[in-house]
């Protein structure tokens, strides 16, 4: 009989009147991948924090290697062999990759860091996760998100004792190819006898690497068992308590006159020229590999990133993308990929986050929302079925899916003609995804022009009426919504076709961008009455 490395039994945790966990049990066995499933708010994050010592449980037992853990702390749990790779990375951005990998354990001689030994050990750790081309001396903040994620995993694997690894949404920022490489690495860790708890909203990943599934719903244990006993429909039903017949809305839409037309847009001096349009009532998908320039294109259209050439028309009227305020006034809204940094103001209430983009129009002297404006915001939130105790509570208390609804309500309050979504369901559970897809379909049916950027190909193909595929900053081709994943990847990778010229993508200091996307800003610019979309500004 295989004994569990970690066992939680009857664990409960409450935050005031809110019961986050109720009588939850979990067993992690050597060489087994246990997939933790559930909607946002089901208790997954709370369970992980109890497991890693970040939270004290109210009741229940916790054992590691059969020994009771009475007062766990993050340090003591790590020392016992339980490591974690979180969705929110713990890397120190201004330090090198090597320094991050061995922070707190830097090899030293007479109090001086042994740099050659550090580089050698870092090189071995990076090679183990496939980052063979990454220099240990590279500064973390200059790396693409996908690379930072893999560095975080390499950091965990360098620990002196690794018996259990908790993976919390590790593929969120990765491309399909990088995700597959990570999943294969997890399978190799399983062969080494490491127990793993794997959390993801991508069901196909669970079925690819999972041995066991533990399903939480409303803070309690819904079901648990071998993943071979489940199919996608049964797993979704266990998570949400209801059947979801079809995630994606019907695509029998007819595009009207162009809601947005882009002609000859060039982001840099020698970058390719972009032409595109989206009709009223149409959903245009934009696909491509990481670094193809998808997010950068949306930021340029929205006026949050500069362009060197190009003409834009919104509703048939020419508009100069001189800034987010100009584009918003013209009827364009952007829901950014990183809603926490570039979208939401976490300390403000839900209602304040919704009304902030409309303060000039609906308030006295542009300071506070007027009564009619606040009531309109509340009606929008009601129609989106936002789950919250009060619209006066901080937006930071909401789940990822509900935070996305808050951003959507913000833009709907501005009465847009075009809405652009960048990775709309990143970090959102399957139940909330279905609700958001329905909302996006309804918005298109009401006559809005919708643009969706997504790295998740089933989502892109399920939503879009047409798909533009970017490669190296240029449009590699256009596909109908009935295309296959293979069709998209064929254009995105350039296999079997002529290579397109590479985009001249530069970071603010003039160095080439490592990701091909608009580089991360030095500081986040939250939405304000003058800059409601957030974004980056030149230093």
Protein backbone atom coordinates (compact mmCIF):
# COMPACT_ATOMS: atom_id res chain seq x y z
CA UNK A 1 0.00 0.00 0.00
CA UNK A 2 1.30 3.44 -0.97
CA UNK A 3 1.22 5.87 1.95
CA UNK A 4 0.42 9.53 1.28
CA UNK A 5 3.17 12.13 1.52
CA UNK A 6 0.62 14.73 2.57
CA UNK A 7 -2.83 14.18 4.01
CA UNK A 8 -5.43 16.73 5.05
CA UNK A 9 -8.52 15.41 6.81
CA UNK A 10 -11.70 17.33 7.65
CA UNK A 11 -10.10 20.75 7.16
CA UNK A 12 -12.29 23.82 7.63
CA UNK A 13 -11.47 27.53 7.39
CA UNK A 14 -13.70 30.57 7.80
CA UNK A 15 -13.13 34.27 7.23
CA UNK A 16 -15.66 35.94 9.48
CA UNK A 17 -19.12 34.81 8.35
CA UNK A 18 -17.75 33.33 5.10
CA UNK A 19 -17.00 29.60 5.25
CA UNK A 20 -14.19 29.22 2.71
CA UNK A 21 -13.54 25.51 3.44
CA UNK A 22 -15.84 23.02 5.11
CA UNK A 23 -14.70 19.50 6.07
CA UNK A 24 -12.33 19.03 3.10
CA UNK A 25 -9.98 16.05 2.86
CA UNK A 26 -7.05 15.63 0.46
CA UNK A 27 -4.39 12.93 -0.05
CA UNK A 28 -1.24 13.40 -2.15
CA UNK A 29 0.56 10.18 -3.08
CA UNK A 30 4.12 9.72 -4.39
CA UNK A 31 4.24 9.65 -8.17
CA UNK A 32 0.64 10.82 -8.54
CA UNK A 33 -0.79 14.00 -10.10
CA UNK A 34 -3.89 15.05 -8.17
CA UNK A 35 -5.84 17.68 -10.10
CA UNK A 36 -7.73 20.16 -7.92
CA UNK A 37 -10.82 21.38 -9.78
CA UNK A 38 -13.56 23.87 -8.99
CA UNK A 39 -14.99 27.23 -9.92
CA UNK A 40 -13.48 30.50 -8.73
CA UNK A 41 -14.55 30.88 -5.13
CA UNK A 42 -14.85 27.12 -4.59
CA UNK A 43 -12.02 27.17 -2.04
CA UNK A 44 -9.03 26.03 -4.11
CA UNK A 45 -6.78 28.96 -3.20
CA UNK A 46 -7.69 28.68 0.49
CA UNK A 47 -6.87 24.97 0.46
CA UNK A 48 -3.50 25.63 -1.18
CA UNK A 49 -2.68 28.29 1.41
CA UNK A 50 -3.52 25.88 4.23
CA UNK A 51 -1.40 23.19 2.57
CA UNK A 52 1.61 25.50 2.18
CA UNK A 53 1.38 26.95 5.70
CA UNK A 54 0.26 30.43 4.63
CA UNK A 55 -3.06 30.00 6.51
CA UNK A 56 -3.88 28.34 9.82
CA UNK A 57 -6.80 25.93 9.52
CA UNK A 58 -9.69 26.29 11.97
CA UNK A 59 -10.15 22.55 12.36
CA UNK A 60 -9.07 19.25 10.87
CA UNK A 61 -5.74 17.41 10.74
CA UNK A 62 -2.61 17.86 8.59
CA UNK A 63 0.09 15.22 8.22
CA UNK A 64 3.36 15.11 6.25
CA UNK A 65 4.95 11.66 5.95
CA UNK A 66 2.53 10.43 8.60
CA UNK A 67 3.65 13.00 11.18
CA UNK A 68 1.14 15.57 12.49
CA UNK A 69 1.72 19.20 11.52
CA UNK A 70 0.30 21.29 14.33
CA UNK A 71 1.42 24.86 13.56
CA UNK A 72 2.67 24.97 9.98
CA UNK A 73 4.48 27.98 8.57
CA UNK A 74 5.60 28.48 4.96
CA UNK A 75 9.23 27.93 5.99
CA UNK A 76 8.57 24.76 7.98
CA UNK A 77 6.37 23.30 5.24
CA UNK A 78 9.01 23.99 2.59
CA UNK A 79 11.66 22.41 4.80
CA UNK A 80 9.44 19.33 5.05
CA UNK A 81 9.45 19.04 1.25
CA UNK A 82 6.24 20.80 0.15
CA UNK A 83 7.05 23.31 -2.59
CA UNK A 84 4.69 25.52 -4.60
CA UNK A 85 4.63 27.28 -7.96
CA UNK A 86 2.04 30.05 -7.67
CA UNK A 87 0.06 31.86 -10.33
CA UNK A 88 1.41 35.11 -8.89
CA UNK A 89 5.16 34.64 -9.30
CA UNK A 90 7.52 35.22 -6.38
CA UNK A 91 10.59 36.20 -8.42
CA UNK A 92 12.47 39.41 -7.60
CA UNK A 93 12.34 41.40 -10.84
CA UNK A 94 15.55 43.44 -10.49
CA UNK A 95 17.81 40.46 -9.78
CA UNK A 96 19.33 37.96 -12.18
CA UNK A 97 17.85 34.57 -12.97
CA UNK A 98 20.66 32.82 -11.07
CA UNK A 99 20.18 34.99 -7.98
CA UNK A 100 16.44 34.27 -8.01
CA UNK A 101 16.97 30.54 -8.37
CA UNK A 102 19.11 30.32 -5.24
CA UNK A 103 17.92 33.30 -3.19
CA UNK A 104 18.59 32.51 0.47
CA UNK A 105 20.89 29.67 -0.58
CA UNK A 106 23.53 31.53 -2.60
CA UNK A 107 26.83 29.61 -2.72
CA UNK A 108 29.44 31.65 -0.86
CA UNK A 109 33.04 31.47 0.25
CA UNK A 110 34.15 33.54 3.27
CA UNK A 111 31.01 35.64 2.95
CA UNK A 112 31.48 36.37 -0.78
CA UNK A 113 29.15 34.89 -3.40
CA UNK A 114 30.90 32.21 -5.46
CA UNK A 115 29.71 33.47 -8.84
CA UNK A 116 31.19 30.67 -10.95
CA UNK A 117 29.55 28.01 -8.77
CA UNK A 118 26.27 29.97 -8.86
CA UNK A 119 26.36 30.15 -12.66
CA UNK A 120 27.09 26.42 -12.94
CA UNK A 121 24.25 25.43 -10.64
CA UNK A 122 21.87 27.86 -12.34
CA UNK A 123 22.79 26.51 -15.77
CA UNK A 124 21.94 22.98 -14.66
CA UNK A 125 18.59 24.08 -13.19
CA UNK A 126 17.59 26.00 -16.31
CA UNK A 127 18.54 23.11 -18.60
CA UNK A 128 16.30 20.82 -16.56
CA UNK A 129 13.20 22.84 -17.51
CA UNK A 130 14.26 23.34 -21.12
CA UNK A 131 15.59 26.92 -20.86
CA UNK A 132 18.84 25.99 -22.55
CA UNK A 133 19.20 29.34 -24.32
CA UNK A 134 18.52 31.54 -21.28
CA UNK A 135 21.53 33.14 -19.64
CA UNK A 136 21.67 32.78 -15.82
CA UNK A 137 22.79 36.43 -15.77
CA UNK A 138 19.62 37.71 -17.47
CA UNK A 139 17.57 40.16 -15.38
CA UNK A 140 14.14 38.72 -14.56
CA UNK A 141 12.07 41.85 -15.29
CA UNK A 142 13.29 41.80 -18.91
CA UNK A 143 11.99 38.29 -19.53
CA UNK A 144 8.67 37.37 -21.14
CA UNK A 145 5.97 36.09 -18.83
CA UNK A 146 6.29 32.53 -20.14
CA UNK A 147 10.01 32.44 -19.42
CA UNK A 148 9.50 33.85 -15.92
CA UNK A 149 7.02 31.05 -15.25
CA UNK A 150 9.56 28.40 -16.22
CA UNK A 151 12.23 30.11 -14.08
CA UNK A 152 9.83 29.90 -11.13
CA UNK A 153 9.46 26.16 -11.70
CA UNK A 154 13.22 25.75 -11.96
CA UNK A 155 13.55 27.60 -8.64
CA UNK A 156 11.25 25.12 -6.92
CA UNK A 157 13.17 22.16 -8.32
CA UNK A 158 16.45 23.47 -6.87
CA UNK A 159 15.14 23.07 -3.30
CA UNK A 160 17.07 20.66 -1.09
CA UNK A 161 13.98 18.57 -0.38
CA UNK A 162 11.17 18.16 -2.91
CA UNK A 163 8.48 15.63 -2.03
CA UNK A 164 5.38 17.56 -3.10
CA UNK A 165 4.93 20.31 -5.69
CA UNK A 166 1.78 22.42 -5.88
CA UNK A 167 1.22 23.91 -9.34
CA UNK A 168 -1.26 26.81 -9.28
CA UNK A 169 -2.28 27.68 -12.86
CA UNK A 170 1.28 27.20 -14.23
CA UNK A 171 0.33 27.41 -17.93
CA UNK A 172 -1.73 30.62 -17.79
CA UNK A 173 1.02 32.72 -19.42
CA UNK A 174 2.43 29.98 -21.66
CA UNK A 175 1.90 29.22 -25.32
CA UNK A 176 0.52 25.87 -26.45
CA UNK A 177 4.02 24.58 -27.20
CA UNK A 178 5.43 25.81 -23.88
CA UNK A 179 2.45 24.37 -22.01
CA UNK A 180 3.00 21.01 -23.62
CA UNK A 181 6.67 21.10 -22.68
CA UNK A 182 5.75 21.88 -19.07
CA UNK A 183 3.20 19.07 -18.93
CA UNK A 184 5.78 16.61 -20.23
CA UNK A 185 8.16 17.83 -17.52
CA UNK A 186 5.47 17.22 -14.89
CA UNK A 187 5.13 13.66 -16.16
CA UNK A 188 8.88 13.19 -15.70
CA UNK A 189 8.58 14.51 -12.13
CA UNK A 190 5.85 11.94 -11.55
CA UNK A 191 8.24 9.21 -12.68
CA UNK A 192 10.69 10.45 -10.03
CA UNK A 193 8.07 9.76 -7.38
CA UNK A 194 7.14 13.37 -6.60
CA UNK A 195 3.55 13.95 -5.48
CA UNK A 196 1.84 16.84 -7.24
CA UNK A 197 -1.27 18.92 -6.75
CA UNK A 198 -2.17 20.52 -10.07
CA UNK A 199 -4.63 23.41 -10.35
CA UNK A 200 -5.82 24.60 -13.76
CA UNK A 201 -8.96 25.84 -15.47
CA UNK A 202 -7.97 23.98 -18.66
CA UNK A 203 -9.80 20.69 -18.48
CA UNK A 204 -7.78 19.08 -21.26
CA UNK A 205 -4.63 19.46 -19.14
CA UNK A 206 -6.24 17.52 -16.31
CA UNK A 207 -7.08 14.64 -18.60
CA UNK A 208 -3.61 14.69 -20.16
CA UNK A 209 -1.52 14.45 -16.98
CA UNK A 210 -3.92 13.74 -14.11
CA UNK A 211 -4.19 10.48 -12.17
CA UNK A 212 -6.75 11.64 -9.60
CA UNK A 213 -9.16 14.56 -9.41
CA UNK A 214 -10.45 16.35 -6.32
CA UNK A 215 -13.42 18.62 -7.00
CA UNK A 216 -14.42 21.46 -4.67
CA UNK A 217 -17.72 23.32 -4.82
CA UNK A 218 -18.81 26.14 -2.50
CA UNK A 219 -15.98 25.38 -0.08
CA UNK A 220 -16.83 21.69 0.31
CA UNK A 221 -15.66 18.45 -1.26
CA UNK A 222 -17.93 17.72 -4.22
CA UNK A 223 -16.31 14.57 -5.60
CA UNK A 224 -12.96 12.79 -5.77
CA UNK A 225 -11.75 9.79 -7.71
CA UNK A 226 -9.56 8.48 -10.53
CA UNK A 227 -9.68 10.89 -13.44
CA UNK A 228 -10.22 7.92 -15.76
CA UNK A 229 -13.74 7.71 -14.30
CA UNK A 230 -14.58 11.17 -15.67
CA UNK A 231 -15.27 12.78 -18.98
CA UNK A 232 -15.47 16.53 -19.57
CA UNK A 233 -19.23 16.76 -19.04
CA UNK A 234 -19.19 14.86 -15.74
CA UNK A 235 -16.27 16.93 -14.46
CA UNK A 236 -17.98 20.22 -15.33
CA UNK A 237 -21.19 19.06 -13.66
CA UNK A 238 -19.26 18.17 -10.50
CA UNK A 239 -17.63 21.61 -10.49
CA UNK A 240 -20.64 23.84 -11.15
CA UNK A 241 -23.52 21.67 -9.97
CA UNK A 242 -25.28 21.89 -13.31
CA UNK A 243 -24.79 20.75 -16.88
CA UNK A 244 -23.34 23.17 -19.41
CA UNK A 245 -24.53 22.00 -22.80
CA UNK A 246 -22.47 24.39 -24.89
CA UNK A 247 -19.81 26.82 -23.73
CA UNK A 248 -19.76 28.89 -26.88
CA UNK A 249 -22.59 31.03 -28.30
CA UNK A 250 -24.15 30.41 -31.67
CA UNK A 251 -22.14 31.90 -34.52
CA UNK A 252 -24.99 32.56 -36.96
CA UNK A 253 -24.21 36.28 -37.07
CA UNK A 254 -24.04 38.62 -40.01
CA UNK A 255 -21.47 41.40 -39.99
CA UNK A 256 -22.79 44.85 -40.75
CA UNK A 257 -20.85 47.91 -41.86
CA UNK A 258 -17.35 48.17 -40.36
CA UNK A 259 -17.46 49.30 -36.75
CA UNK A 260 -13.67 49.62 -36.81
CA UNK A 261 -11.30 49.83 -39.77
CA UNK A 262 -7.51 49.91 -39.48
CA UNK A 263 -5.39 50.74 -42.52
CA UNK A 264 -1.63 50.71 -42.84
CA UNK A 265 -0.96 50.58 -39.10
CA UNK A 266 2.74 50.29 -38.30
CA UNK A 267 3.92 50.18 -34.70
CA UNK A 268 7.62 50.75 -35.43
CA UNK A 269 9.69 52.22 -38.24
CA UNK A 270 10.38 48.95 -40.04
CA UNK A 271 7.48 46.85 -38.79
CA UNK A 272 4.94 45.27 -41.16
CA UNK A 273 1.80 47.16 -42.10
CA UNK A 274 -1.51 45.95 -40.61
CA UNK A 275 -4.91 46.22 -42.29
CA UNK A 276 -8.01 44.88 -40.57
CA UNK A 277 -11.68 45.57 -40.00
CA UNK A 278 -14.45 44.26 -37.78
CA UNK A 279 -18.07 44.68 -38.68
CA UNK A 280 -20.92 45.70 -36.42
CA UNK A 281 -22.31 42.48 -35.00
CA UNK A 282 -19.16 40.47 -35.73
CA UNK A 283 -16.58 38.75 -33.52
CA UNK A 284 -13.08 38.97 -35.00
CA UNK A 285 -10.53 36.64 -33.46
CA UNK A 286 -6.80 37.37 -33.49
CA UNK A 287 -4.46 34.43 -33.00
CA UNK A 288 -0.75 33.77 -33.15
CA UNK A 289 2.14 32.48 -31.09
CA UNK A 290 3.62 34.32 -28.12
CA UNK A 291 5.60 37.25 -29.50
CA UNK A 292 3.50 37.62 -32.64
CA UNK A 293 2.36 41.10 -31.54
CA UNK A 294 -1.29 40.42 -30.68
CA UNK A 295 -1.50 42.37 -27.40
CA UNK A 296 0.69 45.14 -28.80
CA UNK A 297 -1.68 45.55 -31.73
CA UNK A 298 -4.66 46.08 -29.42
CA UNK A 299 -2.73 48.58 -27.31
CA UNK A 300 -1.77 50.54 -30.43
CA UNK A 301 -5.35 50.60 -31.71
CA UNK A 302 -6.48 51.81 -28.29
CA UNK A 303 -3.87 54.56 -28.24
CA UNK A 304 -2.02 53.11 -25.23
CA UNK A 305 1.09 52.34 -27.32
CA UNK A 306 2.51 54.63 -30.04
CA UNK A 307 2.35 54.02 -33.78
CA UNK A 308 4.43 55.53 -36.57
CA UNK A 309 1.82 55.26 -39.32
CA UNK A 310 -1.75 54.24 -39.96
CA UNK A 311 -5.35 55.39 -40.20
CA UNK A 312 -8.27 54.34 -38.02
CA UNK A 313 -11.99 54.71 -38.54
CA UNK A 314 -14.66 54.06 -35.92
CA UNK A 315 -18.19 53.89 -37.25
CA UNK A 316 -16.94 55.31 -40.55
CA UNK A 317 -15.36 58.38 -38.94
CA UNK A 318 -11.58 58.90 -38.90
CA UNK A 319 -9.96 58.88 -35.45
CA UNK A 320 -6.35 59.52 -34.49
CA UNK A 321 -5.26 57.06 -31.74
CA UNK A 322 -3.53 59.76 -29.71
CA UNK A 323 -4.46 58.21 -26.38
CA UNK A 324 -6.99 56.01 -24.55
CA UNK A 325 -9.25 59.00 -23.82
CA UNK A 326 -9.55 59.82 -27.54
CA UNK A 327 -10.36 56.22 -28.48
CA UNK A 328 -12.84 55.85 -25.63
CA UNK A 329 -14.64 59.01 -26.72
CA UNK A 330 -14.77 57.53 -30.24
CA UNK A 331 -16.45 54.39 -28.88
CA UNK A 332 -13.60 51.89 -28.39
CA UNK A 333 -13.00 49.93 -25.19
CA UNK A 334 -10.18 47.55 -24.23
CA UNK A 335 -10.24 44.83 -21.57
CA UNK A 336 -6.54 44.19 -20.99
CA UNK A 337 -4.88 40.83 -20.40
CA UNK A 338 -3.58 41.82 -16.97
CA UNK A 339 -6.73 43.07 -15.30
CA UNK A 340 -5.05 43.41 -11.89
CA UNK A 341 -2.24 45.72 -13.09
CA UNK A 342 -3.68 47.52 -16.11
CA UNK A 343 -7.40 47.38 -15.40
CA UNK A 344 -8.70 47.33 -11.86
CA UNK A 345 -8.14 49.70 -8.95
CA UNK A 346 -8.15 47.09 -6.16
CA UNK A 347 -8.69 49.47 -3.24
CA UNK A 348 -11.79 51.04 -4.77
CA UNK A 349 -15.26 49.55 -4.60
CA UNK A 350 -16.93 47.54 -7.33
CA UNK A 351 -19.20 50.45 -8.22
CA UNK A 352 -16.31 52.95 -8.33
CA UNK A 353 -14.34 50.67 -10.66
CA UNK A 354 -17.33 50.52 -13.02
CA UNK A 355 -18.04 54.26 -13.11
CA UNK A 356 -14.47 55.58 -13.28
CA UNK A 357 -14.30 55.58 -17.08
CA UNK A 358 -17.52 57.64 -17.31
CA UNK A 359 -16.95 60.27 -14.62
CA UNK A 360 -16.64 63.20 -17.02
CA UNK A 361 -19.95 62.48 -18.64
CA UNK A 362 -22.06 61.47 -15.66
CA UNK A 363 -20.80 63.35 -12.64
CA UNK A 364 -20.58 66.82 -11.23
CA UNK A 365 -17.15 68.35 -11.94
CA UNK A 366 -15.83 64.88 -12.82
CA UNK A 367 -15.16 63.88 -9.22
CA UNK A 368 -17.89 61.49 -8.08
CA UNK A 369 -20.42 59.41 -9.99
CA UNK A 370 -23.83 60.96 -10.24
CA UNK A 371 -26.89 59.14 -8.96
CA UNK A 372 -28.13 58.13 -12.40
CA UNK A 373 -24.67 56.93 -13.35
CA UNK A 374 -24.33 54.80 -10.20
CA UNK A 375 -27.79 53.33 -10.75
CA UNK A 376 -26.88 52.49 -14.36
CA UNK A 377 -23.72 50.78 -13.13
CA UNK A 378 -25.74 48.72 -10.66
CA UNK A 379 -28.18 47.67 -13.41
CA UNK A 380 -25.29 46.55 -15.60
CA UNK A 381 -23.77 44.53 -12.79
CA UNK A 382 -27.15 42.94 -12.08
CA UNK A 383 -27.55 42.01 -15.75
CA UNK A 384 -24.10 40.42 -15.76
CA UNK A 385 -25.07 38.38 -12.66
CA UNK A 386 -22.12 39.63 -10.66
CA UNK A 387 -21.68 37.61 -7.46
CA UNK A 388 -21.01 40.04 -4.62
CA UNK A 389 -22.47 40.83 -1.23
CA UNK A 390 -22.49 44.55 -1.99
CA UNK A 391 -21.32 46.74 -4.86
CA UNK A 392 -19.62 48.88 -2.22
CA UNK A 393 -17.13 46.14 -1.30
CA UNK A 394 -13.54 46.33 -2.66
CA UNK A 395 -13.18 44.87 -6.14
CA UNK A 396 -10.13 42.93 -4.91
CA UNK A 397 -12.45 40.63 -2.94
CA UNK A 398 -14.01 39.23 -6.12
CA UNK A 399 -13.02 36.11 -8.04
CA UNK A 400 -11.29 36.43 -11.41
CA UNK A 401 -14.48 35.88 -13.38
CA UNK A 402 -16.38 38.52 -11.43
CA UNK A 403 -13.49 40.99 -11.75
CA UNK A 404 -13.70 40.54 -15.52
CA UNK A 405 -17.41 41.32 -15.36
CA UNK A 406 -16.61 44.55 -13.49
CA UNK A 407 -14.26 45.63 -16.30
CA UNK A 408 -16.87 44.70 -18.88
CA UNK A 409 -19.51 46.74 -17.05
CA UNK A 410 -17.09 49.70 -16.98
CA UNK A 411 -16.85 49.73 -20.74
CA UNK A 412 -20.53 49.01 -21.36
CA UNK A 413 -21.34 52.10 -19.29
CA UNK A 414 -19.43 54.19 -21.86
CA UNK A 415 -21.79 52.91 -24.61
CA UNK A 416 -19.02 51.61 -26.93
CA UNK A 417 -19.19 50.70 -30.60
CA UNK A 418 -16.17 48.38 -30.44
CA UNK A 419 -14.92 46.21 -27.57
CA UNK A 420 -11.52 44.53 -27.64
CA UNK A 421 -10.82 41.59 -25.30
CA UNK A 422 -7.23 40.50 -24.62
CA UNK A 423 -7.21 36.96 -23.16
CA UNK A 424 -10.76 37.44 -21.77
CA UNK A 425 -10.90 34.23 -19.71
CA UNK A 426 -7.34 34.12 -18.34
CA UNK A 427 -7.55 32.62 -14.85
CA UNK A 428 -11.33 32.13 -15.04
CA UNK A 429 -13.10 28.87 -14.24
CA UNK A 430 -15.20 26.93 -16.73
CA UNK A 431 -18.58 28.05 -15.33
CA UNK A 432 -17.62 31.74 -15.49
CA UNK A 433 -16.17 31.19 -18.95
CA UNK A 434 -19.53 29.99 -20.23
CA UNK A 435 -21.25 33.07 -18.79
CA UNK A 436 -18.67 35.42 -20.31
CA UNK A 437 -18.88 33.74 -23.72
CA UNK A 438 -22.65 34.21 -23.66
CA UNK A 439 -22.23 37.90 -22.81
CA UNK A 440 -19.71 38.39 -25.64
CA UNK A 441 -22.09 36.68 -28.09
CA UNK A 442 -25.00 38.85 -26.90
CA UNK A 443 -22.92 42.02 -27.32
CA UNK A 444 -22.08 41.07 -30.90
CA UNK A 445 -25.74 40.24 -31.57
CA UNK A 446 -26.68 43.72 -30.29
CA UNK A 447 -24.48 45.31 -32.97
CA UNK A 448 -21.11 45.86 -31.32
CA UNK A 449 -17.90 45.06 -33.13
CA UNK A 450 -15.93 42.59 -31.00
CA UNK A 451 -12.21 41.74 -31.23
CA UNK A 452 -10.89 38.82 -29.18
CA UNK A 453 -7.22 37.94 -28.69
CA UNK A 454 -6.72 34.50 -27.17
CA UNK A 455 -3.88 32.01 -26.83
CA UNK A 456 -6.41 29.26 -26.13
CA UNK A 457 -7.30 27.93 -29.57
CA UNK A 458 -10.62 26.23 -28.65
CA UNK A 459 -11.79 29.59 -27.28
CA UNK A 460 -10.68 31.47 -30.38
CA UNK A 461 -12.36 29.00 -32.73
CA UNK A 462 -15.47 28.72 -30.58
CA UNK A 463 -16.11 32.47 -30.41
CA UNK A 464 -14.91 34.05 -33.65
CA UNK A 465 -16.69 34.53 -36.95
CA UNK A 466 -13.34 35.27 -38.61
CA UNK A 467 -9.77 34.79 -37.41
CA UNK A 468 -6.70 36.84 -38.31
CA UNK A 469 -3.45 35.03 -37.57
CA UNK A 470 -0.38 37.14 -36.74
CA UNK A 471 3.21 36.05 -37.25
CA UNK A 472 6.21 38.25 -36.48
CA UNK A 473 4.00 41.32 -36.25
CA UNK A 474 2.33 40.80 -39.64
CA UNK A 475 -0.95 39.21 -40.73
CA UNK A 476 -0.06 35.72 -41.90
CA UNK A 477 -3.56 34.99 -43.14
CA UNK A 478 -7.30 34.99 -42.47
CA UNK A 479 -9.44 31.98 -41.58
CA UNK A 480 -13.17 31.41 -41.16
CA UNK A 481 -14.56 30.59 -37.74
CA UNK A 482 -15.00 27.00 -38.93
CA UNK A 483 -11.23 26.53 -39.22
CA UNK A 484 -9.33 23.94 -37.19
CA UNK A 485 -6.57 24.32 -34.61
CA UNK A 486 -4.16 22.88 -37.17
CA UNK A 487 -5.12 25.63 -39.65
CA UNK A 488 -4.31 28.34 -37.09
CA UNK A 489 -1.01 26.76 -36.03
CA UNK A 490 0.00 26.29 -39.68
CA UNK A 491 -0.28 30.04 -40.31
CA UNK A 492 1.08 31.04 -36.91
CA UNK A 493 4.25 28.97 -37.21
CA UNK A 494 4.85 29.59 -40.91
CA UNK A 495 5.10 25.87 -41.66
CA UNK A 496 4.80 25.24 -45.35
CA UNK A 497 4.66 28.91 -46.27
CA UNK A 498 6.99 31.80 -47.04
CA UNK A 499 8.50 33.53 -44.05
CA UNK A 500 7.18 36.99 -43.29
CA UNK A 501 9.50 39.87 -42.37
CA UNK A 502 10.17 40.13 -38.66
CA UNK A 503 8.68 43.01 -36.73
CA UNK A 504 11.05 45.64 -35.40
CA UNK A 505 9.83 45.48 -31.82
CA UNK A 506 11.72 47.54 -29.30
CA UNK A 507 11.54 48.07 -25.60
CA UNK A 508 11.49 51.56 -24.06
CA UNK A 509 15.28 51.63 -23.72
CA UNK A 510 15.82 50.70 -27.35
CA UNK A 511 16.78 47.09 -26.74
CA UNK A 512 14.88 44.39 -28.66
CA UNK A 513 11.87 43.08 -26.77
CA UNK A 514 12.30 39.50 -25.60
CA UNK A 515 8.67 38.61 -26.12
CA UNK A 516 7.75 40.52 -29.25
CA UNK A 517 4.82 42.06 -27.39
CA UNK A 518 4.72 45.58 -26.03
CA UNK A 519 7.15 45.43 -23.08
CA UNK A 520 5.79 45.53 -19.56
CA UNK A 521 5.58 49.10 -18.25
CA UNK A 522 8.02 50.29 -15.64
CA UNK A 523 5.01 51.27 -13.55
CA UNK A 524 1.35 50.50 -13.92
CA UNK A 525 -0.91 53.33 -15.05
CA UNK A 526 -4.35 52.65 -13.55
CA UNK A 527 -7.48 53.90 -15.26
CA UNK A 528 -8.37 57.49 -14.43
CA UNK A 529 -10.92 59.90 -15.83
CA UNK A 530 -8.22 61.05 -18.30
CA UNK A 531 -6.81 57.60 -19.03
CA UNK A 532 -9.60 55.09 -18.34
CA UNK A 533 -8.02 52.08 -19.94
CA UNK A 534 -4.76 52.17 -18.07
CA UNK A 535 -1.66 51.27 -20.00
CA UNK A 536 1.86 52.46 -20.38
CA UNK A 537 3.34 55.86 -21.01
CA UNK A 538 6.73 56.90 -22.21
CA UNK A 539 9.06 57.57 -19.33
